[in-house]
PDB file of N, CA and C in Angstrom:
ATOM      1  N   MET A   1      10.222   5.290   8.161  1.00  0.00           N
ATOM      2  CA  MET A   1       9.306   5.414   7.049  1.00  0.00           C
ATOM      3  C   MET A   1       8.631   4.069   6.834  1.00  0.00           C
ATOM      4  N   ARG A   2       7.349   4.121   6.529  1.00  0.00           N
ATOM      5  CA  ARG A   2       6.577   2.920   6.279  1.00  0.00           C
ATOM      6  C   ARG A   2       5.775   3.125   5.002  1.00  0.00           C
ATOM      7  N   ILE A   3       5.924   2.204   4.054  1.00  0.00           N
ATOM      8  CA  ILE A   3       5.134   2.244   2.824  1.00  0.00           C
ATOM      9  C   ILE A   3       3.800   1.567   3.128  1.00  0.00           C
ATOM     10  N   THR A   4       2.703   2.224   2.786  1.00  0.00           N
ATOM     11  CA  THR A   4       1.382   1.667   3.090  1.00  0.00           C
ATOM     12  C   THR A   4       0.598   1.273   1.842  1.00  0.00           C
ATOM     13  N   ARG A   5       1.057   1.743   0.671  1.00  0.00           N
ATOM     14  CA  ARG A   5       0.318   1.434  -0.554  1.00  0.00           C
ATOM     15  C   ARG A   5       1.207   1.651  -1.771  1.00  0.00           C
ATOM     16  N   ILE A   6       1.063   0.771  -2.754  1.00  0.00           N
ATOM     17  CA  ILE A   6       1.718   0.934  -4.055  1.00  0.00           C
ATOM     18  C   ILE A   6       0.659   0.706  -5.117  1.00  0.00           C
ATOM     19  N   ASP A   7       0.636   1.558  -6.138  1.00  0.00           N
ATOM     20  CA  ASP A   7      -0.285   1.417  -7.274  1.00  0.00           C
ATOM     21  C   ASP A   7       0.508   1.003  -8.508  1.00  0.00           C
ATOM     22  N   PHE A   8      -0.086   0.122  -9.306  1.00  0.00           N
ATOM     23  CA  PHE A   8       0.520  -0.344 -10.552  1.00  0.00           C
ATOM     24  C   PHE A   8      -0.409  -0.041 -11.711  1.00  0.00           C
ATOM     25  N   GLN A   9       0.169   0.317 -12.834  1.00  0.00           N
ATOM     26  CA  GLN A   9      -0.576   0.524 -14.074  1.00  0.00           C
ATOM     27  C   GLN A   9      -0.103  -0.532 -15.057  1.00  0.00           C
ATOM     28  N   GLY A  10      -1.009  -1.385 -15.509  1.00  0.00           N
ATOM     29  CA  GLY A  10      -0.684  -2.399 -16.503  1.00  0.00           C
ATOM     30  C   GLY A  10      -1.227  -2.006 -17.859  1.00  0.00           C
ATOM     31  N   ASN A  11      -1.210  -2.980 -18.788  1.00  0.00           N
ATOM     32  CA  ASN A  11      -1.729  -2.719 -20.136  1.00  0.00           C
ATOM     33  C   ASN A  11      -3.212  -2.382 -20.110  1.00  0.00           C
ATOM     34  N   ASN A  12      -4.026  -3.246 -19.522  1.00  0.00           N
ATOM     35  CA  ASN A  12      -5.466  -3.003 -19.446  1.00  0.00           C
ATOM     36  C   ASN A  12      -5.989  -3.086 -18.022  1.00  0.00           C
ATOM     37  N   HIS A  13      -5.108  -3.307 -17.069  1.00  0.00           N
ATOM     38  CA  HIS A  13      -5.505  -3.490 -15.689  1.00  0.00           C
ATOM     39  C   HIS A  13      -4.697  -2.569 -14.785  1.00  0.00           C
ATOM     40  N   HIS A  14      -5.246  -2.315 -13.612  1.00  0.00           N
ATOM     41  CA  HIS A  14      -4.554  -1.566 -12.564  1.00  0.00           C
ATOM     42  C   HIS A  14      -4.536  -2.456 -11.338  1.00  0.00           C
ATOM     43  N   ALA A  15      -3.604  -2.208 -10.443  1.00  0.00           N
ATOM     44  CA  ALA A  15      -3.570  -2.963  -9.186  1.00  0.00           C
ATOM     45  C   ALA A  15      -3.069  -2.069  -8.072  1.00  0.00           C
ATOM     46  N   THR A  16      -3.487  -2.412  -6.867  1.00  0.00           N
ATOM     47  CA  THR A  16      -3.059  -1.721  -5.666  1.00  0.00           C
ATOM     48  C   THR A  16      -2.638  -2.757  -4.639  1.00  0.00           C
ATOM     49  N   ILE A  17      -1.498  -2.527  -4.002  1.00  0.00           N
ATOM     50  CA  ILE A  17      -1.035  -3.352  -2.892  1.00  0.00           C
ATOM     51  C   ILE A  17      -1.058  -2.465  -1.658  1.00  0.00           C
ATOM     52  N   ALA A  18      -1.673  -2.953  -0.582  1.00  0.00           N
ATOM     53  CA  ALA A  18      -1.746  -2.171   0.649  1.00  0.00           C
ATOM     54  C   ALA A  18      -1.755  -3.108   1.850  1.00  0.00           C
ATOM     55  N   ARG A  19      -1.320  -2.567   2.992  1.00  0.00           N
ATOM     56  CA  ARG A  19      -1.383  -3.319   4.240  1.00  0.00           C
ATOM     57  C   ARG A  19      -1.609  -2.349   5.388  1.00  0.00           C
ATOM     58  N   GLU A  20      -2.667  -2.595   6.132  1.00  0.00           N
ATOM     59  CA  GLU A  20      -2.965  -1.798   7.306  1.00  0.00           C
ATOM     60  C   GLU A  20      -2.036  -2.196   8.447  1.00  0.00           C
ATOM     61  N   ALA A  21      -1.680  -1.251   9.284  1.00  0.00           N
ATOM     62  CA  ALA A  21      -0.833  -1.533  10.444  1.00  0.00           C
ATOM     63  C   ALA A  21      -1.502  -2.596  11.312  1.00  0.00           C
ATOM     64  N   GLY A  22      -0.739  -3.615  11.677  1.00  0.00           N
ATOM     65  CA  GLY A  22      -1.237  -4.668  12.547  1.00  0.00           C
ATOM     66  C   GLY A  22      -1.948  -5.809  11.841  1.00  0.00           C
ATOM     67  N   SER A  23      -2.221  -5.675  10.564  1.00  0.00           N
ATOM     68  CA  SER A  23      -2.908  -6.728   9.826  1.00  0.00           C
ATOM     69  C   SER A  23      -1.936  -7.838   9.463  1.00  0.00           C
ATOM     70  N   GLU A  24      -2.415  -9.073   9.451  1.00  0.00           N
ATOM     71  CA  GLU A  24      -1.578 -10.194   9.042  1.00  0.00           C
ATOM     72  C   GLU A  24      -1.695 -10.444   7.536  1.00  0.00           C
ATOM     73  N   PHE A  25      -2.513  -9.639   6.851  1.00  0.00           N
ATOM     74  CA  PHE A  25      -2.722  -9.812   5.424  1.00  0.00           C
ATOM     75  C   PHE A  25      -2.311  -8.579   4.628  1.00  0.00           C
ATOM     76  N   ILE A  26      -1.816  -8.832   3.434  1.00  0.00           N
ATOM     77  CA  ILE A  26      -1.580  -7.791   2.443  1.00  0.00           C
ATOM     78  C   ILE A  26      -2.800  -7.830   1.531  1.00  0.00           C
ATOM     79  N   GLU A  27      -3.392  -6.702   1.277  1.00  0.00           N
ATOM     80  CA  GLU A  27      -4.561  -6.654   0.401  1.00  0.00           C
ATOM     81  C   GLU A  27      -4.131  -6.214  -0.992  1.00  0.00           C
ATOM     82  N   VAL A  28      -4.429  -7.046  -1.977  1.00  0.00           N
ATOM     83  CA  VAL A  28      -4.101  -6.750  -3.368  1.00  0.00           C
ATOM     84  C   VAL A  28      -5.414  -6.619  -4.131  1.00  0.00           C
ATOM     85  N   THR A  29      -5.618  -5.472  -4.738  1.00  0.00           N
ATOM     86  CA  THR A  29      -6.821  -5.238  -5.535  1.00  0.00           C
ATOM     87  C   THR A  29      -6.404  -5.121  -6.989  1.00  0.00           C
ATOM     88  N   ILE A  30      -6.981  -5.978  -7.825  1.00  0.00           N
ATOM     89  CA  ILE A  30      -6.750  -5.904  -9.271  1.00  0.00           C
ATOM     90  C   ILE A  30      -8.029  -5.354  -9.885  1.00  0.00           C
ATOM     91  N   ILE A  31      -7.887  -4.273 -10.622  1.00  0.00           N
ATOM     92  CA  ILE A  31      -9.037  -3.597 -11.215  1.00  0.00           C
ATOM     93  C   ILE A  31      -9.081  -3.975 -12.694  1.00  0.00           C
ATOM     94  N   TYR A  32     -10.113  -4.724 -13.046  1.00  0.00           N
ATOM     95  CA  TYR A  32     -10.308  -5.233 -14.405  1.00  0.00           C
ATOM     96  C   TYR A  32     -11.352  -4.377 -15.126  1.00  0.00           C
ATOM     97  N   PRO A  33     -11.367  -4.464 -16.445  1.00  0.00           N
ATOM     98  CA  PRO A  33     -12.487  -3.845 -17.151  1.00  0.00           C
ATOM     99  C   PRO A  33     -13.809  -4.550 -16.807  1.00  0.00           C
ATOM    100  N   ASP A  34     -13.790  -5.901 -16.697  1.00  0.00           N
ATOM    101  CA  ASP A  34     -15.003  -6.650 -16.364  1.00  0.00           C
ATOM    102  C   ASP A  34     -14.602  -7.998 -15.790  1.00  0.00           C
ATOM    103  N   PRO A  35     -14.954  -8.417 -14.586  1.00  0.00           N
ATOM    104  CA  PRO A  35     -15.663  -7.649 -13.572  1.00  0.00           C
ATOM    105  C   PRO A  35     -14.782  -6.504 -13.084  1.00  0.00           C
ATOM    106  N   PRO A  36     -15.368  -5.513 -12.461  1.00  0.00           N
ATOM    107  CA  PRO A  36     -14.619  -4.289 -12.178  1.00  0.00           C
ATOM    108  C   PRO A  36     -13.417  -4.427 -11.256  1.00  0.00           C
ATOM    109  N   ARG A  37     -13.469  -5.333 -10.275  1.00  0.00           N
ATOM    110  CA  ARG A  37     -12.306  -5.465  -9.392  1.00  0.00           C
ATOM    111  C   ARG A  37     -12.361  -6.785  -8.650  1.00  0.00           C
ATOM    112  N   ARG A  38     -11.189  -7.258  -8.266  1.00  0.00           N
ATOM    113  CA  ARG A  38     -11.074  -8.466  -7.458  1.00  0.00           C
ATOM    114  C   ARG A  38     -10.076  -8.173  -6.349  1.00  0.00           C
ATOM    115  N   ILE A  39     -10.477  -8.486  -5.120  1.00  0.00           N
ATOM    116  CA  ILE A  39      -9.624  -8.229  -3.962  1.00  0.00           C
ATOM    117  C   ILE A  39      -9.081  -9.558  -3.449  1.00  0.00           C
ATOM    118  N   HIS A  40      -7.768  -9.605  -3.265  1.00  0.00           N
ATOM    119  CA  HIS A  40      -7.088 -10.798  -2.752  1.00  0.00           C
ATOM    120  C   HIS A  40      -6.462 -10.460  -1.406  1.00  0.00           C
ATOM    121  N   GLN A  41      -6.507 -11.397  -0.481  1.00  0.00           N
ATOM    122  CA  GLN A  41      -5.801 -11.241   0.781  1.00  0.00           C
ATOM    123  C   GLN A  41      -4.645 -12.232   0.780  1.00  0.00           C
ATOM    124  N   VAL A  42      -3.445 -11.693   0.920  1.00  0.00           N
ATOM    125  CA  VAL A  42      -2.220 -12.477   0.868  1.00  0.00           C
ATOM    126  C   VAL A  42      -1.637 -12.564   2.271  1.00  0.00           C
ATOM    127  N   GLN A  43      -1.350 -13.765   2.717  1.00  0.00           N
ATOM    128  CA  GLN A  43      -0.749 -13.968   4.040  1.00  0.00           C
ATOM    129  C   GLN A  43       0.632 -13.319   4.053  1.00  0.00           C
ATOM    130  N   ALA A  44       0.839 -12.340   4.924  1.00  0.00           N
ATOM    131  CA  ALA A  44       2.059 -11.524   4.919  1.00  0.00           C
ATOM    132  C   ALA A  44       3.312 -12.293   5.320  1.00  0.00           C
ATOM    133  N   ASP A  45       3.153 -13.441   5.984  1.00  0.00           N
ATOM    134  CA  ASP A  45       4.330 -14.192   6.415  1.00  0.00           C
ATOM    135  C   ASP A  45       4.520 -15.488   5.624  1.00  0.00           C
ATOM    136  N   CYS A  46       3.892 -15.619   4.462  1.00  0.00           N
ATOM    137  CA  CYS A  46       3.957 -16.844   3.662  1.00  0.00           C
ATOM    138  C   CYS A  46       4.590 -16.549   2.303  1.00  0.00           C
ATOM    139  N   GLN A  47       5.824 -16.977   2.119  1.00  0.00           N
ATOM    140  CA  GLN A  47       6.549 -16.706   0.877  1.00  0.00           C
ATOM    141  C   GLN A  47       5.864 -17.331  -0.339  1.00  0.00           C
ATOM    142  N   GLU A  48       5.267 -18.515  -0.162  1.00  0.00           N
ATOM    143  CA  GLU A  48       4.567 -19.169  -1.269  1.00  0.00           C
ATOM    144  C   GLU A  48       3.351 -18.350  -1.704  1.00  0.00           C
ATOM    145  N   ASP A  49       2.638 -17.799  -0.732  1.00  0.00           N
ATOM    146  CA  ASP A  49       1.476 -16.962  -1.026  1.00  0.00           C
ATOM    147  C   ASP A  49       1.908 -15.685  -1.744  1.00  0.00           C
ATOM    148  N   LEU A  50       3.014 -15.104  -1.305  1.00  0.00           N
ATOM    149  CA  LEU A  50       3.539 -13.898  -1.951  1.00  0.00           C
ATOM    150  C   LEU A  50       3.927 -14.184  -3.406  1.00  0.00           C
ATOM    151  N   TRP A  51       4.602 -15.318  -3.637  1.00  0.00           N
ATOM    152  CA  TRP A  51       5.041 -15.666  -4.995  1.00  0.00           C
ATOM    153  C   TRP A  51       3.828 -15.921  -5.896  1.00  0.00           C
ATOM    154  N   SER A  52       2.840 -16.633  -5.372  1.00  0.00           N
ATOM    155  CA  SER A  52       1.633 -16.910  -6.146  1.00  0.00           C
ATOM    156  C   SER A  52       0.930 -15.610  -6.549  1.00  0.00           C
ATOM    157  N   MET A  53       0.854 -14.662  -5.625  1.00  0.00           N
ATOM    158  CA  MET A  53       0.230 -13.379  -5.946  1.00  0.00           C
ATOM    159  C   MET A  53       1.075 -12.609  -6.953  1.00  0.00           C
ATOM    160  N   ALA A  54       2.385 -12.706  -6.847  1.00  0.00           N
ATOM    161  CA  ALA A  54       3.270 -12.050  -7.820  1.00  0.00           C
ATOM    162  C   ALA A  54       3.038 -12.612  -9.217  1.00  0.00           C
ATOM    163  N   GLU A  55       2.845 -13.932  -9.323  1.00  0.00           N
ATOM    164  CA  GLU A  55       2.540 -14.551 -10.624  1.00  0.00           C
ATOM    165  C   GLU A  55       1.238 -13.997 -11.183  1.00  0.00           C
ATOM    166  N   CYS A  56       0.246 -13.879 -10.331  1.00  0.00           N
ATOM    167  CA  CYS A  56      -1.059 -13.357 -10.742  1.00  0.00           C
ATOM    168  C   CYS A  56      -0.946 -11.899 -11.201  1.00  0.00           C
ATOM    169  N   LEU A  57      -0.266 -11.081 -10.426  1.00  0.00           N
ATOM    170  CA  LEU A  57      -0.082  -9.681 -10.799  1.00  0.00           C
ATOM    171  C   LEU A  57       0.654  -9.550 -12.128  1.00  0.00           C
ATOM    172  N   GLN A  58       1.730 -10.298 -12.271  1.00  0.00           N
ATOM    173  CA  GLN A  58       2.522 -10.217 -13.496  1.00  0.00           C
ATOM    174  C   GLN A  58       1.671 -10.593 -14.709  1.00  0.00           C
ATOM    175  N   PHE A  59       0.930 -11.669 -14.599  1.00  0.00           N
ATOM    176  CA  PHE A  59       0.108 -12.134 -15.719  1.00  0.00           C
ATOM    177  C   PHE A  59      -0.942 -11.088 -16.106  1.00  0.00           C
ATOM    178  N   HIS A  60      -1.663 -10.568 -15.128  1.00  0.00           N
ATOM    179  CA  HIS A  60      -2.741  -9.627 -15.431  1.00  0.00           C
ATOM    180  C   HIS A  60      -2.235  -8.258 -15.852  1.00  0.00           C
ATOM    181  N   LEU A  61      -1.173  -7.778 -15.223  1.00  0.00           N
ATOM    182  CA  LEU A  61      -0.700  -6.428 -15.556  1.00  0.00           C
ATOM    183  C   LEU A  61       0.135  -6.394 -16.833  1.00  0.00           C
ATOM    184  N   ASP A  62       0.916  -7.446 -17.082  1.00  0.00           N
ATOM    185  CA  ASP A  62       1.735  -7.476 -18.293  1.00  0.00           C
ATOM    186  C   ASP A  62       0.990  -8.070 -19.481  1.00  0.00           C
ATOM    187  N   GLY A  63      -0.083  -8.815 -19.209  1.00  0.00           N
ATOM    188  CA  GLY A  63      -0.900  -9.351 -20.290  1.00  0.00           C
ATOM    189  C   GLY A  63      -0.428 -10.667 -20.879  1.00  0.00           C
ATOM    190  N   CYS A  64       0.578 -11.292 -20.263  1.00  0.00           N
ATOM    191  CA  CYS A  64       1.085 -12.581 -20.732  1.00  0.00           C
ATOM    192  C   CYS A  64       1.846 -13.252 -19.598  1.00  0.00           C
ATOM    193  N   ARG A  65       2.038 -14.554 -19.716  1.00  0.00           N
ATOM    194  CA  ARG A  65       2.820 -15.270 -18.709  1.00  0.00           C
ATOM    195  C   ARG A  65       4.289 -14.876 -18.877  1.00  0.00           C
ATOM    196  N   GLY A  66       4.898 -14.450 -17.788  1.00  0.00           N
ATOM    197  CA  GLY A  66       6.277 -13.978 -17.834  1.00  0.00           C
ATOM    198  C   GLY A  66       7.268 -15.002 -17.320  1.00  0.00           C
ATOM    199  N   THR A  67       8.517 -14.631 -17.383  1.00  0.00           N
ATOM    200  CA  THR A  67       9.589 -15.462 -16.855  1.00  0.00           C
ATOM    201  C   THR A  67       9.694 -15.254 -15.347  1.00  0.00           C
ATOM    202  N   ASN A  68      10.501 -16.077 -14.697  1.00  0.00           N
ATOM    203  CA  ASN A  68      10.718 -15.887 -13.260  1.00  0.00           C
ATOM    204  C   ASN A  68      11.253 -14.491 -12.963  1.00  0.00           C
ATOM    205  N   SER A  69      12.056 -13.954 -13.841  1.00  0.00           N
ATOM    206  CA  SER A  69      12.598 -12.607 -13.661  1.00  0.00           C
ATOM    207  C   SER A  69      11.477 -11.566 -13.679  1.00  0.00           C
ATOM    208  N   ASP A  70      10.525 -11.727 -14.576  1.00  0.00           N
ATOM    209  CA  ASP A  70       9.385 -10.810 -14.645  1.00  0.00           C
ATOM    210  C   ASP A  70       8.558 -10.891 -13.364  1.00  0.00           C
ATOM    211  N   ILE A  71       8.295 -12.118 -12.925  1.00  0.00           N
ATOM    212  CA  ILE A  71       7.498 -12.345 -11.716  1.00  0.00           C
ATOM    213  C   ILE A  71       8.225 -11.800 -10.495  1.00  0.00           C
ATOM    214  N   ASN A  72       9.537 -11.962 -10.467  1.00  0.00           N
ATOM    215  CA  ASN A  72      10.335 -11.499  -9.334  1.00  0.00           C
ATOM    216  C   ASN A  72      10.206  -9.993  -9.121  1.00  0.00           C
ATOM    217  N   ASP A  73      10.027  -9.227 -10.175  1.00  0.00           N
ATOM    218  CA  ASP A  73       9.833  -7.780 -10.027  1.00  0.00           C
ATOM    219  C   ASP A  73       8.609  -7.478  -9.162  1.00  0.00           C
ATOM    220  N   TYR A  74       7.525  -8.194  -9.384  1.00  0.00           N
ATOM    221  CA  TYR A  74       6.308  -8.013  -8.576  1.00  0.00           C
ATOM    222  C   TYR A  74       6.492  -8.591  -7.171  1.00  0.00           C
ATOM    223  N   TYR A  75       7.170  -9.711  -7.091  1.00  0.00           N
ATOM    224  CA  TYR A  75       7.432 -10.349  -5.797  1.00  0.00           C
ATOM    225  C   TYR A  75       8.191  -9.398  -4.875  1.00  0.00           C
ATOM    226  N   GLU A  76       9.190  -8.722  -5.387  1.00  0.00           N
ATOM    227  CA  GLU A  76       9.980  -7.795  -4.588  1.00  0.00           C
ATOM    228  C   GLU A  76       9.114  -6.639  -4.071  1.00  0.00           C
ATOM    229  N   GLN A  77       8.158  -6.196  -4.855  1.00  0.00           N
ATOM    230  CA  GLN A  77       7.259  -5.138  -4.379  1.00  0.00           C
ATOM    231  C   GLN A  77       6.345  -5.659  -3.270  1.00  0.00           C
ATOM    232  N   LEU A  78       5.847  -6.883  -3.420  1.00  0.00           N
ATOM    233  CA  LEU A  78       5.021  -7.491  -2.369  1.00  0.00           C
ATOM    234  C   LEU A  78       5.811  -7.678  -1.080  1.00  0.00           C
ATOM    235  N   ARG A  79       7.084  -8.028  -1.200  1.00  0.00           N
ATOM    236  CA  ARG A  79       7.919  -8.244  -0.019  1.00  0.00           C
ATOM    237  C   ARG A  79       8.078  -6.978   0.820  1.00  0.00           C
ATOM    238  N   ARG A  80       7.896  -5.807   0.222  1.00  0.00           N
ATOM    239  CA  ARG A  80       7.949  -4.562   0.989  1.00  0.00           C
ATOM    240  C   ARG A  80       6.896  -4.535   2.089  1.00  0.00           C
ATOM    241  N   PHE A  81       5.819  -5.314   1.903  1.00  0.00           N
ATOM    242  CA  PHE A  81       4.709  -5.351   2.846  1.00  0.00           C
ATOM    243  C   PHE A  81       4.733  -6.604   3.733  1.00  0.00           C
ATOM    244  N   ALA A  82       5.657  -7.500   3.489  1.00  0.00           N
ATOM    245  CA  ALA A  82       5.696  -8.785   4.190  1.00  0.00           C
ATOM    246  C   ALA A  82       6.314  -8.650   5.580  1.00  0.00           C
ATOM    247  N   ASP A  83       6.096  -9.699   6.382  1.00  0.00           N
ATOM    248  CA  ASP A  83       6.707  -9.766   7.713  1.00  0.00           C
ATOM    249  C   ASP A  83       8.169 -10.130   7.605  1.00  0.00           C
TER     250      ASP A  83
END
C-alpha cells in the first residue's frame, strides 16, 4: 500500500500533502482565503525541510504557534511521504 495524498482541514485553511511516484519532492498546498493557494516543494530526503514545513502547516492550520508536540503531529504525517 502506498499513500499518495493526505488532506487537512484547519480553522480557516486547508492543506494537501502529495508525492508523485519517483519525485524527489513532496508537494504541500496550503489553501488560504487570500491569496487562494500557495504550493511548497519539500525535499523528501531532508529532515530539516520536513520539520520547517511541519511548523508552517501547524501555524496556518491551527491558527497559532504551537509547541513541538503540536508540530510533531504534522511532521509525522509528512514523514509518510519522505525517503
